[in-house]
Every structure is written in C-alpha cells, then in structure tokens.
C-alpha cells in the first residue's frame, strides 16, 4: 500500500509518517548523542588507519540505549573488548560494562543459583580487567576466586557437572587469571597437552588427550596460542602458529573453519571473519606480523566502506563477504581487536576517548543522515542480529523496560534467551550456511519486539534494534534535509522483510 504526502500538509504529518516508516523497517544503529565522526576517505577498502575505529563505531551503535546487545551477555562482553582495543567509544563501553556488572549473576549462574558458568565467569573477569573494574567485587562477585573455584583437580575449568568446557573455556580462563596475577600451571598444562601432532589445537578437551587422533580447529588454536603466549609457554604456542600459517591460511590471507566443510579440500574452504580474527590475534601475539597483515587485509576486504548507499552500514565487517546481515554483529565484534592489532592479553581500556569515530567519505555533508547531499535512512539490514559466531553464550531474557538515549520511550525489550553452546566462553559448534554458529556455536534466540530473519547464517534473532532513539534522530535528519515526503513515500513502498 502506498500513500502520497501532499506539500500542503503541515509539518506534523510528515514527522509522524517518517517515524512510522523508520519503525516499520526496524531502524537501528544511529550514533549516541555527542559522538562525532572521524574523517575517512573513499576507496575499495576502508583505509587501514581507520578500519578498527570504523568497525568499533558501527558495533557501538548497534547496542541498545542501555548499551547491551539486548541481554546477550557474551556478545556484549565481546563488543566491550573490541571497543577498548581501539580506545574509542569509551562512554558506550562503560555503560555496557555497567550492564555486565549489574547483571553478572545472570551470566555466571545461567544453569542455576549454585552452578557456575566457568566460561562466562572468565569472560567477565577479562572485561573487568580491561575496563579497570573491581575484580573481587564485580556485581558482588569475587571473580578470580569464583574462577579458581571452578578449577578441577585435572586442571580443567568446569563450574559444575553440566558445564560444557572446551578450549575456549580453558584459554579464556588462563588469559583472565594470568592478567589477574597468574594462571595456575596445571591449567596451562591442559592447553599444552591438548596439542595435536601437527601443532594445531582441538576444540574439545579430553582427560587423556591423544595427539595422533585429535582434530585441530582453527578458532580453538587461535585462542590456545594466545593463552600460551600470555602464560609464557612460547614453544607450544609457536607450534600452533606454524600450523595456522602453513596449513590453514588461505592464499587470500584469510582463515577458514574447515569443520564447516568436512572432507573438502583446502581450495574449497571459505575464509570467515571470526576464524580470521582469532588467527590474526594469535599471529600478533607471536609477532608474526607479515602473516597477520595478510589476515587484516582480508578482514578489510569484507568491511563495508564508502561504496555502500547506506551510511549506517559503514564500518561493519561481514562474516564471509562485505555486507550487513544476521551474522555481522558477532563477526564485527570479533574482528575489531584484530583490526586494532590487539591480542586479548594486551587490550587496555584505561584511557578511552568518550566518542566514536564513524567512517566519513568524500561528499559527506557533515550531517549523519546525509551522503553527498542525498539523505539516506538506515536500511532494514542495519538491525544486526545475534547471529552465531565464536561468541554465543547462554544469556538471560530481558524484562520489558524503558530505554532512553536521545529520545525516551518504553519499547518491548528484545530478549535473547541464547541457548547456544558455542562461543569464546566455552561452548561449541559452528555457524555458517547451515544455520549453526560461526566457528563456535549453535544458537537459539527468541524475543519480543524483534523478528527473526533467515539468511546465510541461519535463522537468527535481531539484536541492537532499539527503536526509540533512532526514530527521533532519523526523523529529524530527514526533515532537516527537506526530503521527508519523498523518503516516506519510498519507504512505504519498500519491502519490510529483514
């Protein structure tokens, strides 16, 4: 159905219609008040000096008004670490860390009051260290003691009998405790002993590892190598790097998750942003800058730049190709530290700039809603979703609440009751065209107020699609540009499907 907007109408009608049009497309991703863009330039790739900051700006703007990825604790933590790695979006990172601290218990005790999620606890400890929060009183929890309490006699971190523990859990725990004063030797030994004969590291951990029969995993190796370097176990870490470079890095510089295409030859593997980012961080930890640079160049090749007609997509890093879809937010969150050349052990959020640095391009007018004089509304794809990637963890659904940014409203919060068993907090699985999470998890997300979307990464629920403040900003930008009527009429004719 279409509806014309006549020039004789008052200002109220276009304003209302613009708001409705933006609401219907799931508008999200507009800048917080006070955040100003940094200068960029045109080209086939986002310029290297601003690639990380542009990705951070896009990711920060996906967060809702309270600065959390709609109650997905693990993804919110990943974004915080990414923002900190660039030293930008400090206000957003602090608000997101506040959310993680205020709701820490829901992440730590996802399986029940007396059951500790070791991987989630390790990730919270890492965030608390990076953001210079109180480690022994983070949301009322002594995180180092809690994580130490999850250490089993065999050196593995496991909070309870049903707590899935894998290489991500172990590596995150070692990284976090190493930064907190020192990781237990027996915990580091578990990682080193899991090494496969060819030098790679498996995703699954076994009580009696067999190097001859274990299956190495790209993402798990990227995490294990970072943890080993942080703990001073250089020899074992170097073997992992050798495997990554000689057997896993593709001619285009990227890295693939071969478990997504079992049995296929290397020439048929497809690089993805999550595997590449973790491998790049490992390479940087081992000072293999040449190979790391090749990986970073591949990440930039799938980063949205000045070529897009939708300025609100700029900076996003696609999972396998340039563009914004259901897997983009997790892919971007994982890619930011790699683009910033920061292994997990080195990220420090102590001196962050308060604002973001979105990519600006030749022809921009200085108006965030304008591109070369042509006003552009955020596309439906901008509602980046909690797609699957190396960071999906169990989260708790949010209650309905009032969110305030540049506008105040009471939207229905989109719950992400993520039941995934995948991610950098110790879950497993893969995400790709089959709908299982990127290199680390199969996720089931549900929510009110956000519809799911089927795409190359499977059926994924939308995240970061708070509609309160984007409506106000988007409407204002369109009206100021003097093209509200035209945009409304076009928007009303567009497909609402996301």
Protein backbone atom coordinates (compact mmCIF):
# COMPACT_ATOMS: atom_id res chain seq x y z
CA UNK A 1 0.00 0.00 0.00
CA UNK A 2 1.31 3.46 -0.85
CA UNK A 3 0.33 6.86 0.36
CA UNK A 4 1.29 10.23 -1.10
CA UNK A 5 2.29 13.15 1.08
CA UNK A 6 0.97 16.44 -0.22
CA UNK A 7 3.00 19.61 0.04
CA UNK A 8 0.08 21.46 1.60
CA UNK A 9 0.11 19.28 4.69
CA UNK A 10 1.53 20.60 7.95
CA UNK A 11 4.81 19.53 9.47
CA UNK A 12 3.14 17.10 11.88
CA UNK A 13 2.06 14.63 9.20
CA UNK A 14 5.48 14.14 7.58
CA UNK A 15 7.05 13.77 11.02
CA UNK A 16 4.59 11.09 12.04
CA UNK A 17 4.94 9.25 8.76
CA UNK A 18 8.73 9.34 8.88
CA UNK A 19 8.65 7.88 12.37
CA UNK A 20 6.29 5.14 11.22
CA UNK A 21 8.45 4.35 8.20
CA UNK A 22 11.55 4.06 10.33
CA UNK A 23 9.75 1.88 12.86
CA UNK A 24 8.49 -0.43 10.12
CA UNK A 25 11.99 -1.11 8.86
CA UNK A 26 13.48 -1.91 12.25
CA UNK A 27 15.74 1.10 12.28
CA UNK A 28 18.82 0.85 14.45
CA UNK A 29 22.46 1.83 14.51
CA UNK A 30 22.37 5.60 14.88
CA UNK A 31 25.03 7.40 16.87
CA UNK A 32 24.60 8.30 20.51
CA UNK A 33 24.34 12.00 21.23
CA UNK A 34 27.69 13.74 21.36
CA UNK A 35 29.52 11.19 19.22
CA UNK A 36 31.14 12.76 16.18
CA UNK A 37 32.58 11.11 13.07
CA UNK A 38 36.25 10.98 12.18
CA UNK A 39 37.49 11.70 8.70
CA UNK A 40 37.88 8.82 6.24
CA UNK A 41 38.14 8.56 2.51
CA UNK A 42 36.76 6.68 -0.43
CA UNK A 43 38.23 3.52 -1.86
CA UNK A 44 37.62 -0.19 -2.37
CA UNK A 45 38.60 -0.88 1.24
CA UNK A 46 38.26 1.08 4.44
CA UNK A 47 41.66 2.80 4.95
CA UNK A 48 43.85 0.76 7.29
CA UNK A 49 44.43 3.57 9.84
CA UNK A 50 40.68 3.95 10.49
CA UNK A 51 39.41 0.40 9.86
CA UNK A 52 39.33 -0.64 13.53
CA UNK A 53 37.73 2.60 14.74
CA UNK A 54 35.11 2.47 11.97
CA UNK A 55 34.22 -1.10 12.93
CA UNK A 56 34.05 -0.10 16.59
CA UNK A 57 31.74 2.80 15.77
CA UNK A 58 29.37 0.54 13.87
CA UNK A 59 29.32 -2.09 16.62
CA UNK A 60 28.81 0.50 19.37
CA UNK A 61 25.80 1.91 17.57
CA UNK A 62 24.13 -1.50 17.45
CA UNK A 63 23.81 -1.58 21.20
CA UNK A 64 20.54 -0.50 22.67
CA UNK A 65 20.12 2.59 24.84
CA UNK A 66 21.44 0.75 27.89
CA UNK A 67 24.46 -0.38 25.90
CA UNK A 68 23.93 -4.10 25.85
CA UNK A 69 23.30 -6.42 22.93
CA UNK A 70 19.73 -6.99 24.09
CA UNK A 71 20.77 -9.03 27.11
CA UNK A 72 23.25 -11.22 25.27
CA UNK A 73 25.98 -11.03 27.89
CA UNK A 74 28.67 -12.79 25.89
CA UNK A 75 28.20 -10.65 22.80
CA UNK A 76 28.07 -7.50 24.90
CA UNK A 77 31.37 -8.51 26.51
CA UNK A 78 32.93 -9.12 23.10
CA UNK A 79 31.86 -5.67 21.95
CA UNK A 80 33.28 -4.05 25.09
CA UNK A 81 36.65 -5.71 24.49
CA UNK A 82 36.54 -4.63 20.86
CA UNK A 83 35.78 -1.02 21.71
CA UNK A 84 38.55 -1.00 24.32
CA UNK A 85 41.04 -2.34 21.78
CA UNK A 86 40.52 0.80 19.67
CA UNK A 87 40.48 3.27 22.56
CA UNK A 88 37.21 4.77 21.28
CA UNK A 89 33.53 4.76 22.32
CA UNK A 90 34.52 4.97 25.96
CA UNK A 91 31.10 6.09 27.16
CA UNK A 92 29.41 3.24 25.38
CA UNK A 93 31.95 0.72 26.69
CA UNK A 94 31.48 1.98 30.26
CA UNK A 95 27.70 1.72 30.01
CA UNK A 96 27.97 -1.77 28.56
CA UNK A 97 30.33 -2.78 31.37
CA UNK A 98 27.85 -1.36 33.89
CA UNK A 99 25.22 -3.63 32.38
CA UNK A 100 27.51 -6.65 32.67
CA UNK A 101 28.30 -5.80 36.29
CA UNK A 102 24.68 -5.13 37.23
CA UNK A 103 23.55 -8.45 35.75
CA UNK A 104 26.67 -10.53 36.41
CA UNK A 105 24.78 -13.11 38.40
CA UNK A 106 22.54 -13.96 35.47
CA UNK A 107 25.56 -14.76 33.31
CA UNK A 108 27.54 -16.56 35.99
CA UNK A 109 24.60 -18.71 37.09
CA UNK A 110 22.93 -19.42 33.77
CA UNK A 111 22.30 -23.04 34.76
CA UNK A 112 21.09 -22.33 38.29
CA UNK A 113 21.88 -20.49 41.50
CA UNK A 114 24.65 -22.80 42.69
CA UNK A 115 26.06 -23.65 39.28
CA UNK A 116 28.91 -21.56 37.89
CA UNK A 117 29.33 -20.92 34.17
CA UNK A 118 33.14 -21.08 34.05
CA UNK A 119 33.48 -19.66 30.54
CA UNK A 120 31.14 -16.77 31.24
CA UNK A 121 32.90 -16.03 34.51
CA UNK A 122 36.26 -15.98 32.70
CA UNK A 123 34.93 -13.55 30.10
CA UNK A 124 33.52 -11.24 32.80
CA UNK A 125 36.87 -11.30 34.59
CA UNK A 126 38.65 -10.39 31.36
CA UNK A 127 36.25 -7.49 30.77
CA UNK A 128 36.63 -6.29 34.36
CA UNK A 129 40.42 -6.28 33.97
CA UNK A 130 40.32 -4.50 30.63
CA UNK A 131 37.90 -1.85 31.91
CA UNK A 132 39.70 -1.44 35.25
CA UNK A 133 36.79 -2.53 37.42
CA UNK A 134 36.95 -4.19 40.84
CA UNK A 135 37.83 -7.80 40.19
CA UNK A 136 36.85 -9.00 43.65
CA UNK A 137 33.57 -7.11 43.75
CA UNK A 138 32.18 -7.16 40.23
CA UNK A 139 28.45 -7.16 40.69
CA UNK A 140 29.02 -8.56 44.17
CA UNK A 141 31.20 -11.43 42.91
CA UNK A 142 34.86 -12.17 43.57
CA UNK A 143 35.57 -13.20 40.00
CA UNK A 144 39.15 -14.55 40.45
CA UNK A 145 38.08 -16.66 43.42
CA UNK A 146 34.97 -17.87 41.61
CA UNK A 147 37.00 -18.93 38.58
CA UNK A 148 39.67 -20.55 40.72
CA UNK A 149 36.89 -22.47 42.43
CA UNK A 150 35.87 -23.88 39.05
CA UNK A 151 39.35 -25.38 38.55
CA UNK A 152 39.16 -29.18 38.70
CA UNK A 153 41.90 -31.48 40.01
CA UNK A 154 42.81 -32.37 36.45
CA UNK A 155 43.49 -28.73 35.62
CA UNK A 156 40.32 -28.08 33.62
CA UNK A 157 37.90 -25.26 34.36
CA UNK A 158 34.39 -26.60 34.87
CA UNK A 159 31.84 -24.94 37.11
CA UNK A 160 29.53 -27.94 37.53
CA UNK A 161 28.88 -31.37 36.04
CA UNK A 162 26.80 -29.98 33.20
CA UNK A 163 29.12 -27.05 32.46
CA UNK A 164 30.45 -27.59 28.97
CA UNK A 165 34.17 -26.97 28.98
CA UNK A 166 36.31 -26.74 25.88
CA UNK A 167 39.39 -24.98 24.53
CA UNK A 168 37.63 -21.61 24.61
CA UNK A 169 36.74 -22.02 28.30
CA UNK A 170 40.26 -23.10 29.18
CA UNK A 171 42.02 -20.42 27.15
CA UNK A 172 39.79 -17.58 28.36
CA UNK A 173 40.27 -18.70 31.96
CA UNK A 174 44.05 -18.82 31.59
CA UNK A 175 44.11 -15.40 29.88
CA UNK A 176 41.91 -13.85 32.57
CA UNK A 177 43.75 -15.32 35.54
CA UNK A 178 47.14 -14.54 34.01
CA UNK A 179 46.14 -10.89 33.86
CA UNK A 180 44.83 -11.10 37.42
CA UNK A 181 48.16 -12.24 38.83
CA UNK A 182 48.97 -15.60 37.30
CA UNK A 183 47.22 -18.63 35.87
CA UNK A 184 47.65 -21.99 37.64
CA UNK A 185 50.33 -24.12 35.97
CA UNK A 186 48.06 -27.15 35.81
CA UNK A 187 45.52 -25.12 33.84
CA UNK A 188 48.13 -24.04 31.29
CA UNK A 189 49.37 -27.64 31.11
CA UNK A 190 45.91 -28.76 29.98
CA UNK A 191 46.12 -26.47 26.95
CA UNK A 192 49.67 -27.51 26.10
CA UNK A 193 48.88 -31.22 26.47
CA UNK A 194 45.91 -30.94 24.11
CA UNK A 195 48.14 -30.06 21.16
CA UNK A 196 47.70 -32.27 18.14
CA UNK A 197 50.57 -33.95 16.34
CA UNK A 198 50.58 -31.35 13.57
CA UNK A 199 50.79 -28.44 16.03
CA UNK A 200 47.17 -27.31 16.00
CA UNK A 201 44.83 -27.43 18.97
CA UNK A 202 41.42 -29.12 19.19
CA UNK A 203 38.16 -27.54 20.23
CA UNK A 204 37.13 -30.41 22.50
CA UNK A 205 39.29 -31.25 25.50
CA UNK A 206 39.81 -34.80 26.73
CA UNK A 207 41.04 -36.10 30.06
CA UNK A 208 43.56 -38.28 28.19
CA UNK A 209 44.47 -36.37 25.03
CA UNK A 210 45.96 -38.28 22.10
CA UNK A 211 47.98 -36.10 19.70
CA UNK A 212 47.69 -38.73 16.97
CA UNK A 213 43.90 -38.78 16.88
CA UNK A 214 42.84 -35.26 17.88
CA UNK A 215 41.32 -32.90 15.31
CA UNK A 216 42.79 -29.38 15.27
CA UNK A 217 40.43 -26.43 14.97
CA UNK A 218 41.37 -23.01 13.61
CA UNK A 219 39.43 -20.89 16.12
CA UNK A 220 40.43 -23.06 19.08
CA UNK A 221 44.07 -22.84 18.01
CA UNK A 222 43.82 -19.06 17.81
CA UNK A 223 42.57 -18.95 21.41
CA UNK A 224 45.01 -21.56 22.73
CA UNK A 225 48.01 -19.84 21.17
CA UNK A 226 47.07 -16.50 22.73
CA UNK A 227 46.72 -18.14 26.15
CA UNK A 228 50.03 -19.98 25.86
CA UNK A 229 51.92 -16.85 24.84
CA UNK A 230 50.35 -14.95 27.74
CA UNK A 231 51.45 -17.68 30.15
CA UNK A 232 55.00 -17.76 28.78
CA UNK A 233 54.71 -21.13 27.04
CA UNK A 234 56.31 -19.93 23.83
CA UNK A 235 57.45 -23.27 22.38
CA UNK A 236 53.98 -24.83 22.34
CA UNK A 237 52.47 -21.58 21.09
CA UNK A 238 54.94 -21.37 18.20
CA UNK A 239 53.92 -24.83 17.02
CA UNK A 240 50.33 -23.63 16.87
CA UNK A 241 51.37 -20.61 14.82
CA UNK A 242 53.28 -22.81 12.42
CA UNK A 243 50.15 -24.93 11.84
CA UNK A 244 47.99 -21.83 11.34
CA UNK A 245 50.33 -20.28 8.78
CA UNK A 246 51.43 -23.36 6.85
CA UNK A 247 48.22 -25.39 6.84
CA UNK A 248 45.32 -23.01 7.46
CA UNK A 249 45.99 -19.58 5.98
CA UNK A 250 44.42 -19.26 2.54
CA UNK A 251 46.04 -17.54 -0.46
CA UNK A 252 43.77 -14.52 0.10
CA UNK A 253 45.15 -14.11 3.63
CA UNK A 254 42.02 -15.25 5.44
CA UNK A 255 41.36 -18.29 7.59
CA UNK A 256 38.51 -20.77 7.34
CA UNK A 257 36.77 -23.08 9.76
CA UNK A 258 37.36 -26.37 7.96
CA UNK A 259 34.85 -28.11 10.24
CA UNK A 260 32.11 -26.27 8.31
CA UNK A 261 33.07 -28.15 5.15
CA UNK A 262 34.29 -31.57 6.32
CA UNK A 263 36.07 -33.60 3.68
CA UNK A 264 36.51 -30.71 1.25
CA UNK A 265 40.00 -29.80 0.00
CA UNK A 266 41.61 -26.58 1.16
CA UNK A 267 40.99 -24.93 -2.20
CA UNK A 268 37.26 -25.10 -1.47
CA UNK A 269 37.47 -23.59 2.01
CA UNK A 270 35.95 -20.15 2.52
CA UNK A 271 37.54 -17.67 4.87
CA UNK A 272 35.33 -16.11 7.53
CA UNK A 273 35.83 -13.09 9.75
CA UNK A 274 35.67 -14.91 13.09
CA UNK A 275 38.27 -17.56 12.30
CA UNK A 276 40.48 -14.97 10.61
CA UNK A 277 40.27 -12.55 13.53
CA UNK A 278 41.23 -15.14 16.15
CA UNK A 279 44.10 -16.38 13.97
CA UNK A 280 45.31 -12.80 13.44
CA UNK A 281 45.28 -12.14 17.19
CA UNK A 282 47.36 -15.28 17.72
CA UNK A 283 49.80 -14.22 14.99
CA UNK A 284 50.12 -10.78 16.55
CA UNK A 285 50.76 -12.33 19.95
CA UNK A 286 53.60 -14.30 18.33
CA UNK A 287 54.85 -11.28 16.37
CA UNK A 288 54.19 -12.89 13.01
CA UNK A 289 53.34 -9.53 11.51
CA UNK A 290 53.61 -10.45 7.82
CA UNK A 291 51.01 -13.20 8.06
CA UNK A 292 48.90 -11.10 10.45
CA UNK A 293 48.87 -8.23 7.95
CA UNK A 294 47.57 -10.57 5.26
CA UNK A 295 44.75 -11.60 7.56
CA UNK A 296 43.95 -7.99 8.39
CA UNK A 297 43.83 -7.16 4.68
CA UNK A 298 41.28 -9.94 4.20
CA UNK A 299 39.16 -8.59 7.07
CA UNK A 300 39.20 -5.17 5.41
CA UNK A 301 38.06 -6.79 2.17
CA UNK A 302 34.77 -7.78 3.86
CA UNK A 303 34.36 -4.48 5.72
CA UNK A 304 31.66 -2.12 4.48
CA UNK A 305 33.15 1.17 3.34
CA UNK A 306 32.28 4.24 1.30
CA UNK A 307 30.83 2.14 -1.52
CA UNK A 308 27.60 1.49 0.40
CA UNK A 309 24.50 3.60 -0.21
CA UNK A 310 23.51 3.15 3.41
CA UNK A 311 25.89 5.22 5.51
CA UNK A 312 24.78 3.45 8.68
CA UNK A 313 26.37 0.22 7.45
CA UNK A 314 29.82 1.78 7.17
CA UNK A 315 32.46 0.03 9.22
CA UNK A 316 30.59 -3.27 9.64
CA UNK A 317 32.62 -6.41 8.97
CA UNK A 318 30.76 -9.17 7.15
CA UNK A 319 31.21 -12.81 8.06
CA UNK A 320 32.26 -14.11 4.66
CA UNK A 321 31.52 -11.18 2.38
CA UNK A 322 31.01 -7.45 2.59
CA UNK A 323 27.53 -6.54 3.82
CA UNK A 324 25.26 -6.47 6.83
CA UNK A 325 23.14 -9.46 7.76
CA UNK A 326 22.36 -11.67 10.73
CA UNK A 327 25.96 -12.72 11.38
CA UNK A 328 27.54 -9.28 11.06
CA UNK A 329 27.45 -8.04 14.65
CA UNK A 330 29.25 -11.05 16.06
CA UNK A 331 31.70 -11.06 13.15
CA UNK A 332 32.45 -7.37 13.65
CA UNK A 333 32.83 -7.73 17.43
CA UNK A 334 35.39 -10.47 16.88
CA UNK A 335 37.18 -8.60 14.09
CA UNK A 336 37.69 -5.28 15.89
CA UNK A 337 40.64 -6.31 18.12
CA UNK A 338 42.34 -7.96 15.14
CA UNK A 339 41.94 -4.81 13.07
CA UNK A 340 43.30 -2.87 16.05
CA UNK A 341 46.25 -5.31 16.24
CA UNK A 342 45.45 -6.23 19.84
CA UNK A 343 45.65 -9.79 21.20
CA UNK A 344 43.31 -10.40 24.15
CA UNK A 345 46.21 -10.27 26.62
CA UNK A 346 47.12 -6.72 25.55
CA UNK A 347 43.77 -4.90 25.43
CA UNK A 348 43.59 -2.00 27.87
CA UNK A 349 40.52 0.21 28.24
CA UNK A 350 42.09 2.60 30.71
CA UNK A 351 42.31 5.69 28.51
CA UNK A 352 39.48 5.55 26.01
CA UNK A 353 38.08 8.50 24.10
CA UNK A 354 34.45 9.05 25.01
CA UNK A 355 33.06 9.21 21.48
CA UNK A 356 33.18 7.01 18.41
CA UNK A 357 34.90 7.60 15.09
CA UNK A 358 32.50 6.57 12.30
CA UNK A 359 33.86 6.39 8.77
CA UNK A 360 33.17 9.51 6.71
CA UNK A 361 33.62 9.65 2.97
CA UNK A 362 34.13 12.16 0.18
CA UNK A 363 30.88 14.01 -0.44
CA UNK A 364 29.59 13.75 3.11
CA UNK A 365 27.91 16.97 4.24
CA UNK A 366 28.60 16.62 7.94
CA UNK A 367 25.01 15.55 8.60
CA UNK A 368 24.90 11.95 9.86
CA UNK A 369 21.79 11.41 7.78
CA UNK A 370 23.32 12.70 4.59
CA UNK A 371 25.61 11.22 1.98
CA UNK A 372 26.78 13.60 -0.67
CA UNK A 373 23.63 15.67 -0.31
CA UNK A 374 21.37 12.63 -0.56
CA UNK A 375 19.60 11.79 2.65
CA UNK A 376 19.79 8.12 3.46
CA UNK A 377 17.68 6.35 6.04
CA UNK A 378 19.10 3.33 7.86
CA UNK A 379 18.39 0.14 5.97
CA UNK A 380 16.47 -2.76 7.45
CA UNK A 381 19.70 -4.72 7.42
CA UNK A 382 21.10 -2.34 9.99
CA UNK A 383 19.26 -4.27 12.67
CA UNK A 384 22.25 -6.52 13.12
CA UNK A 385 21.34 -9.74 14.81
CA UNK A 386 22.72 -12.05 17.39
CA UNK A 387 23.90 -14.37 14.73
CA UNK A 388 26.22 -17.18 15.63
CA UNK A 389 29.96 -16.72 15.90
CA UNK A 390 32.80 -17.54 18.23
CA UNK A 391 30.99 -15.70 20.96
CA UNK A 392 27.47 -17.01 21.55
CA UNK A 393 26.86 -17.83 25.17
CA UNK A 394 23.91 -18.52 27.40
CA UNK A 395 22.14 -15.30 28.25
CA UNK A 396 19.04 -14.30 30.14
CA UNK A 397 16.00 -12.69 28.62
CA UNK A 398 15.46 -9.05 29.45
CA UNK A 399 12.34 -7.72 31.05
CA UNK A 400 10.33 -5.02 29.33
CA UNK A 401 11.81 -1.67 30.32
CA UNK A 402 12.22 1.97 29.46
CA UNK A 403 15.22 2.78 27.29
CA UNK A 404 16.46 6.33 26.96
CA UNK A 405 19.02 7.76 24.55
CA UNK A 406 18.29 10.87 22.51
CA UNK A 407 14.61 10.05 22.80
CA UNK A 408 12.61 8.38 25.53
CA UNK A 409 10.14 5.60 25.00
CA UNK A 410 9.14 2.30 26.51
CA UNK A 411 9.80 -0.31 23.87
CA UNK A 412 9.37 -4.00 24.47
CA UNK A 413 12.85 -5.28 25.12
CA UNK A 414 14.04 -7.95 22.73
CA UNK A 415 15.04 -10.97 24.73
CA UNK A 416 17.93 -13.09 23.58
CA UNK A 417 17.49 -16.21 25.61
CA UNK A 418 20.52 -17.61 23.85
CA UNK A 419 20.67 -21.31 24.48
CA UNK A 420 23.73 -21.69 22.33
CA UNK A 421 26.51 -23.94 23.34
CA UNK A 422 29.08 -22.09 21.36
CA UNK A 423 31.49 -19.34 21.82
CA UNK A 424 34.51 -17.94 23.40
CA UNK A 425 33.17 -18.67 26.85
CA UNK A 426 33.41 -22.35 26.36
CA UNK A 427 30.71 -23.52 24.06
CA UNK A 428 30.99 -25.37 20.83
CA UNK A 429 29.52 -25.66 17.39
CA UNK A 430 29.79 -23.86 14.12
CA UNK A 431 27.93 -21.14 12.29
CA UNK A 432 27.54 -20.91 8.63
CA UNK A 433 25.12 -21.51 5.82
CA UNK A 434 23.59 -24.38 7.72
CA UNK A 435 22.41 -22.08 10.47
CA UNK A 436 24.83 -23.20 13.12
CA UNK A 437 27.06 -20.51 14.65
CA UNK A 438 30.30 -19.29 13.15
CA UNK A 439 33.11 -21.45 14.41
CA UNK A 440 31.61 -21.85 17.74
CA UNK A 441 28.03 -22.25 18.44
CA UNK A 442 24.54 -23.18 17.56
CA UNK A 443 22.20 -20.59 18.97
CA UNK A 444 18.50 -20.39 19.54
CA UNK A 445 17.32 -16.88 20.23
CA UNK A 446 13.85 -15.60 20.87
CA UNK A 447 12.45 -12.21 21.65
CA UNK A 448 9.53 -9.87 21.72
CA UNK A 449 9.70 -6.82 19.53
CA UNK A 450 12.33 -8.25 17.19
CA UNK A 451 11.51 -10.65 14.43
CA UNK A 452 13.88 -13.36 13.29
CA UNK A 453 15.45 -13.41 9.88
CA UNK A 454 16.66 -16.21 7.68
CA UNK A 455 19.88 -15.60 5.84
CA UNK A 456 23.18 -17.18 5.03
CA UNK A 457 23.91 -17.64 8.67
CA UNK A 458 20.70 -19.38 9.56
CA UNK A 459 17.61 -18.29 11.43
CA UNK A 460 18.84 -15.54 13.66
CA UNK A 461 17.10 -13.17 16.04
CA UNK A 462 17.78 -9.46 15.66
CA UNK A 463 19.86 -7.61 18.18
CA UNK A 464 20.57 -3.95 18.79
CA UNK A 465 17.30 -2.91 17.17
CA UNK A 466 16.06 -0.46 19.78
CA UNK A 467 13.52 1.74 18.02
CA UNK A 468 13.24 4.60 20.48
CA UNK A 469 16.13 6.91 19.73
CA UNK A 470 16.71 6.05 16.03
CA UNK A 471 13.17 7.23 15.24
CA UNK A 472 13.78 10.66 16.71
CA UNK A 473 17.19 11.08 15.11
CA UNK A 474 16.16 9.61 11.75
CA UNK A 475 13.04 11.74 11.54
CA UNK A 476 14.94 14.88 12.43
CA UNK A 477 17.64 14.18 9.85
CA UNK A 478 15.13 13.56 7.10
CA UNK A 479 13.10 16.67 7.87
CA UNK A 480 16.19 18.85 8.05
CA UNK A 481 17.26 17.54 4.66
CA UNK A 482 13.97 18.73 3.24
CA UNK A 483 13.08 15.38 1.73
CA UNK A 484 10.79 13.81 4.29
CA UNK A 485 7.87 13.40 1.92
CA UNK A 486 9.94 11.73 -0.77
CA UNK A 487 11.66 9.38 1.66
CA UNK A 488 8.37 8.46 3.33
CA UNK A 489 6.70 7.60 0.07
CA UNK A 490 9.65 5.49 -0.98
CA UNK A 491 9.91 3.79 2.40
CA UNK A 492 6.23 2.95 2.40
CA UNK A 493 6.68 1.07 -0.86
CA UNK A 494 9.71 -0.89 0.28
CA UNK A 495 9.61 -4.46 1.45
CA UNK A 496 9.52 -4.64 5.23
CA UNK A 497 11.20 -8.02 5.32
CA UNK A 498 14.55 -8.10 7.07
